[in-house]
Amino acid sequence: MEDEVVNIQGVDIIFFRSHRAKRLNITIKPFLGVRVSVPRSVSFKKARVLVEDRISWIKTHLSKMQKAEGLLTVFHLDTKFETRFHHLEMKFSEMTTVKTVVRDNKIAVSIPHSTNIENSEVQHAIRQAIERAWRKEAKMLLPGRVKALAAAHKFEYKNVAIKNSKTRWGSCSFDNNINLSLHLMRLPDHLVDYVILHELVHTRVKNHSKDFWQLLDIVSGDARKLDREVKAYGIKIY
C-alpha cells in the first residue's frame, strides 16, 4: 500500500491507496488527522484536486477534532487522577527510565529527574499504566455484570472478552460472544449497564433496526437518551 503526505493550504493530509475503496473517502479523527483513501481507479494527482475542492470543509471539521485533542489530560506531579479502585501517584527518581507499577490500589509512576514529565514517552507510559488498572477493574467487574443483566432479561451469550478498544465501547459477534472495552471503567455505572445491554440485545437482533431499539428501550429505559450520554464521552480522550 502506497501513501503520500501532502500539505494543502497548511493542512497535512495523508493520501493512501485502498484496494477496497470504491470512491474517494476523507476521514478526520482525533490524533490521526486527515486521511484520504484513494481507490485504484483514481490517481493521486486527481485525488489531490478533489480534496482541494473540499479544503474549507476539512478545515472546519479539523478544528473540531483539534478541540477534542485539547481535552486530553497532560499529567503532572500534582495531577489528581483516580479510577474506581486505583489512584495515581507520580514521583521523580534516580532511575534512568520511566517505571510504572499497578498494585495495591495504586498506579505508581517513577520518572527520571532528567526527564521532562510532559515528554510524550512519559505521558504514554502513564496512560499505559492507567489502562492496566482499568483492565484489572474491568476483568473484576464486567463479566459478572454481563451475567447478571443477561439473567435478569433472559439473554443468552457465549463468552465475554475485555479488550483495549478505542474505537467502540463494546461489540457482539455473530455467534454471540461479547467484547467490551476496558475504557468502560471510565463511565458511570448506569452507562456501563447500558452498553452491556446494548450488546446483549444484539444477541437477538444483529442490526440497529427499529426492532433493536424497541427491545433496547424495554430493557434499558430511555435507550436514545442513554446512547447520547455515552456518545458525550470521547473513548480516546481522558
Protein backbone atom coordinates (compact mmCIF):
# COMPACT_ATOMS: atom_id res chain seq x y z
CA MET A 1 0.00 0.00 0.00
CA GLU A 2 1.49 3.34 -1.05
CA ASP A 3 0.89 6.56 0.83
CA GLU A 4 1.75 10.21 0.40
CA VAL A 5 1.59 13.22 2.73
CA VAL A 6 0.56 16.45 1.03
CA ASN A 7 0.25 19.89 2.63
CA ILE A 8 -2.79 21.70 1.24
CA GLN A 9 -3.30 25.26 2.50
CA GLY A 10 -1.41 24.49 5.70
CA VAL A 11 -3.09 21.15 6.38
CA ASP A 12 -1.08 17.91 6.25
CA ILE A 13 -3.21 15.28 4.54
CA ILE A 14 -2.32 11.61 4.20
CA PHE A 15 -3.34 10.03 0.90
CA PHE A 16 -3.21 6.24 0.80
CA ARG A 17 -4.12 3.69 -1.82
CA SER A 18 -7.06 1.49 -0.88
CA HIS A 19 -7.84 -1.59 -2.93
CA ARG A 20 -11.22 -1.92 -1.22
CA ALA A 21 -12.45 1.66 -1.58
CA LYS A 22 -14.96 2.25 -4.36
CA ARG A 23 -14.75 6.02 -4.10
CA LEU A 24 -12.56 8.72 -2.58
CA ASN A 25 -13.15 8.87 1.17
CA ILE A 26 -11.99 11.61 3.57
CA THR A 27 -11.79 10.85 7.31
CA ILE A 28 -10.84 13.27 10.10
CA LYS A 29 -10.22 11.74 13.51
CA PRO A 30 -8.58 12.93 16.76
CA PHE A 31 -4.86 12.04 16.90
CA LEU A 32 -4.97 10.57 13.38
CA GLY A 33 -5.53 13.76 11.41
CA VAL A 34 -6.87 13.90 7.87
CA ARG A 35 -6.68 10.69 5.85
CA VAL A 36 -7.87 10.15 2.30
CA SER A 37 -8.42 6.65 0.93
CA VAL A 38 -7.88 6.62 -2.82
CA PRO A 39 -9.47 3.85 -4.92
CA ARG A 40 -7.47 2.13 -7.64
CA SER A 41 -9.46 3.92 -10.34
CA VAL A 42 -8.34 7.40 -9.15
CA SER A 43 -4.81 8.79 -9.48
CA PHE A 44 -3.19 10.58 -6.54
CA LYS A 45 -3.00 13.72 -8.71
CA LYS A 46 -6.74 13.71 -9.31
CA ALA A 47 -7.37 12.86 -5.63
CA ARG A 48 -5.42 15.97 -4.56
CA VAL A 49 -7.53 18.14 -6.86
CA LEU A 50 -10.75 16.69 -5.45
CA VAL A 51 -9.55 17.19 -1.88
CA GLU A 52 -8.51 20.79 -2.60
CA ASP A 53 -12.13 21.46 -3.57
CA ARG A 54 -13.19 20.34 -0.08
CA ILE A 55 -10.44 22.02 1.94
CA SER A 56 -12.86 24.50 3.60
CA TRP A 57 -14.97 21.58 4.85
CA ILE A 58 -11.82 19.80 6.02
CA LYS A 59 -10.56 22.83 7.96
CA THR A 60 -13.93 23.26 9.69
CA HIS A 61 -14.01 19.63 10.87
CA LEU A 62 -10.29 19.57 11.67
CA SER A 63 -10.80 22.48 14.04
CA LYS A 64 -13.43 20.46 15.92
CA MET A 65 -11.07 17.49 16.15
CA GLN A 66 -8.22 19.65 17.45
CA LYS A 67 -10.50 20.96 20.20
CA ALA A 68 -11.18 17.34 21.18
CA GLU A 69 -7.44 16.64 21.27
CA GLY A 70 -7.04 19.64 23.54
CA LEU A 71 -9.22 17.91 26.14
CA LEU A 72 -6.55 15.23 26.62
CA THR A 73 -5.06 15.33 30.14
CA VAL A 74 -1.41 16.33 30.41
CA PHE A 75 -0.19 14.60 33.57
CA HIS A 76 1.98 16.46 36.10
CA LEU A 77 3.19 15.53 39.59
CA ASP A 78 0.21 17.27 41.17
CA THR A 79 -2.39 15.78 38.79
CA LYS A 80 -5.20 14.09 40.72
CA PHE A 81 -6.40 11.02 38.83
CA GLU A 82 -8.46 8.15 40.19
CA THR A 83 -10.13 5.10 38.71
CA ARG A 84 -12.76 3.09 40.57
CA PHE A 85 -10.21 1.37 42.80
CA HIS A 86 -6.83 2.92 41.99
CA HIS A 87 -5.21 6.31 42.40
CA LEU A 88 -2.27 7.77 40.51
CA GLU A 89 0.97 8.59 42.34
CA MET A 90 3.94 10.10 40.48
CA LYS A 91 7.41 10.98 41.68
CA PHE A 92 10.88 11.74 40.35
CA SER A 93 13.54 9.09 40.99
CA GLU A 94 17.17 8.19 40.37
CA MET A 95 16.15 5.64 37.73
CA THR A 96 17.26 6.10 34.14
CA THR A 97 13.93 5.07 32.62
CA VAL A 98 10.27 5.53 33.48
CA LYS A 99 8.92 2.74 35.69
CA THR A 100 5.25 2.04 36.35
CA VAL A 101 3.67 -0.40 38.81
CA VAL A 102 -0.04 -1.11 39.28
CA ARG A 103 -0.51 -2.74 42.67
CA ASP A 104 -2.34 -2.31 45.99
CA ASN A 105 -4.88 0.13 44.55
CA LYS A 106 -2.06 2.38 43.37
CA ILE A 107 -0.77 3.40 39.94
CA ALA A 108 2.84 4.25 40.83
CA VAL A 109 4.95 6.09 38.26
CA SER A 110 8.66 6.82 38.78
CA ILE A 111 10.18 9.39 36.42
CA PRO A 112 13.93 10.11 35.98
CA HIS A 113 14.99 13.52 37.31
CA SER A 114 16.50 14.38 33.93
CA THR A 115 13.23 13.79 32.07
CA ASN A 116 10.52 16.35 31.32
CA ILE A 117 7.26 14.90 32.60
CA GLU A 118 5.46 16.38 29.57
CA ASN A 119 7.65 14.28 27.27
CA SER A 120 5.39 12.19 25.01
CA GLU A 121 7.07 8.93 26.07
CA VAL A 122 6.45 9.71 29.74
CA GLN A 123 2.82 10.66 29.08
CA HIS A 124 2.37 7.45 27.08
CA ALA A 125 3.84 5.36 29.91
CA ILE A 126 1.45 6.97 32.41
CA ARG A 127 -1.53 6.22 30.17
CA GLN A 128 -0.44 2.63 29.71
CA ALA A 129 -0.28 2.19 33.49
CA ILE A 130 -3.74 3.72 33.92
CA GLU A 131 -5.09 1.38 31.26
CA ARG A 132 -3.57 -1.62 33.09
CA ALA A 133 -5.51 -0.53 36.16
CA TRP A 134 -8.71 -0.23 34.13
CA ARG A 135 -8.11 -3.69 32.66
CA LYS A 136 -7.81 -5.17 36.17
CA GLU A 137 -11.02 -3.47 37.22
CA ALA A 138 -12.83 -4.43 34.03
CA LYS A 139 -11.94 -8.10 34.43
CA MET A 140 -13.13 -7.93 38.02
CA LEU A 141 -16.47 -6.23 37.32
CA LEU A 142 -17.69 -6.60 33.75
CA PRO A 143 -18.12 -10.39 33.29
CA GLY A 144 -20.25 -10.56 36.43
CA ARG A 145 -22.34 -7.60 35.33
CA VAL A 146 -22.95 -9.18 31.92
CA LYS A 147 -24.03 -12.40 33.62
CA ALA A 148 -26.41 -10.56 35.97
CA LEU A 149 -28.04 -8.43 33.25
CA ALA A 150 -28.35 -11.41 30.89
CA ALA A 151 -30.07 -13.42 33.59
CA ALA A 152 -32.39 -10.55 34.53
CA HIS A 153 -33.58 -10.09 30.93
CA LYS A 154 -33.23 -13.70 29.71
CA PHE A 155 -30.47 -13.11 27.16
CA GLU A 156 -28.04 -15.86 26.18
CA TYR A 157 -24.41 -15.28 25.18
CA LYS A 158 -21.24 -17.35 24.92
CA ASN A 159 -18.16 -15.57 26.27
CA VAL A 160 -17.06 -12.15 27.50
CA ALA A 161 -13.72 -10.67 26.42
CA ILE A 162 -12.14 -7.45 27.71
CA LYS A 163 -10.13 -5.52 25.11
CA ASN A 164 -8.31 -2.19 24.94
CA SER A 165 -10.62 -0.99 22.20
CA LYS A 166 -10.53 2.74 21.47
CA THR A 167 -12.97 2.67 18.58
CA ARG A 168 -16.06 1.23 20.28
CA TRP A 169 -17.28 0.58 23.82
CA GLY A 170 -18.47 -2.92 23.00
CA SER A 171 -19.47 -5.35 20.30
CA CYS A 172 -21.32 -8.63 19.84
CA SER A 173 -20.12 -11.23 17.36
CA PHE A 174 -22.40 -13.20 15.05
CA ASP A 175 -22.14 -16.20 17.39
CA ASN A 176 -22.94 -14.08 20.49
CA ASN A 177 -19.51 -13.50 22.00
CA ILE A 178 -19.49 -10.18 23.86
CA ASN A 179 -16.45 -7.91 23.58
CA LEU A 180 -16.18 -4.97 25.98
CA SER A 181 -13.66 -2.15 26.09
CA LEU A 182 -11.71 -1.70 29.31
CA HIS A 183 -12.49 2.01 28.86
CA LEU A 184 -15.99 1.26 30.13
CA MET A 185 -14.38 1.71 33.54
CA ARG A 186 -14.42 5.44 32.81
CA LEU A 187 -18.22 5.53 32.54
CA PRO A 188 -20.73 5.82 35.39
CA ASP A 189 -22.45 2.57 36.37
CA HIS A 190 -25.74 3.28 34.57
CA LEU A 191 -23.92 3.82 31.27
CA VAL A 192 -21.82 0.68 31.75
CA ASP A 193 -25.09 -1.22 32.12
CA TYR A 194 -26.48 0.49 29.03
CA VAL A 195 -23.51 -0.56 26.88
CA ILE A 196 -23.74 -4.14 28.15
CA LEU A 197 -27.47 -4.25 27.44
CA HIS A 198 -26.85 -2.77 24.00
CA GLU A 199 -24.57 -5.71 23.18
CA LEU A 200 -26.89 -8.27 24.80
CA VAL A 201 -29.76 -7.05 22.64
CA HIS A 202 -27.51 -7.77 19.65
CA THR A 203 -27.61 -11.45 20.63
CA ARG A 204 -31.21 -11.36 19.36
CA VAL A 205 -31.17 -8.53 16.81
CA LYS A 206 -27.96 -8.25 14.77
CA ASN A 207 -28.58 -4.75 13.43
CA HIS A 208 -29.76 -1.34 14.59
CA SER A 209 -33.25 -1.67 13.18
CA LYS A 210 -36.46 -0.45 14.77
CA ASP A 211 -36.85 -3.85 16.46
CA PHE A 212 -33.41 -3.45 18.05
CA TRP A 213 -34.16 -0.03 19.54
CA GLN A 214 -37.59 -1.14 20.77
CA LEU A 215 -36.11 -4.09 22.65
CA LEU A 216 -33.23 -2.00 24.00
CA ASP A 217 -35.73 0.60 25.17
CA ILE A 218 -37.66 -2.07 27.07
CA VAL A 219 -34.61 -3.41 28.93
CA SER A 220 -32.68 -0.16 29.47
CA GLY A 221 -35.33 2.54 29.75
CA ASP A 222 -34.80 5.59 27.52
CA ALA A 223 -32.27 3.99 25.14
CA ARG A 224 -31.83 7.00 22.88
CA LYS A 225 -31.12 9.30 25.82
CA LEU A 226 -28.59 6.83 27.26
CA ASP A 227 -26.97 6.47 23.85
CA ARG A 228 -26.48 10.24 23.66
CA GLU A 229 -24.92 10.21 27.14
CA VAL A 230 -22.41 7.55 26.09
CA LYS A 231 -21.53 9.47 22.93
CA ALA A 232 -20.70 12.52 25.04
CA TYR A 233 -17.65 10.59 26.29
CA GLY A 234 -14.73 10.53 23.85
CA ILE A 235 -13.37 6.99 24.01
CA LYS A 236 -9.87 8.18 23.03
CA ILE A 237 -9.90 11.19 25.35
CA TYR A 238 -9.26 11.15 29.09
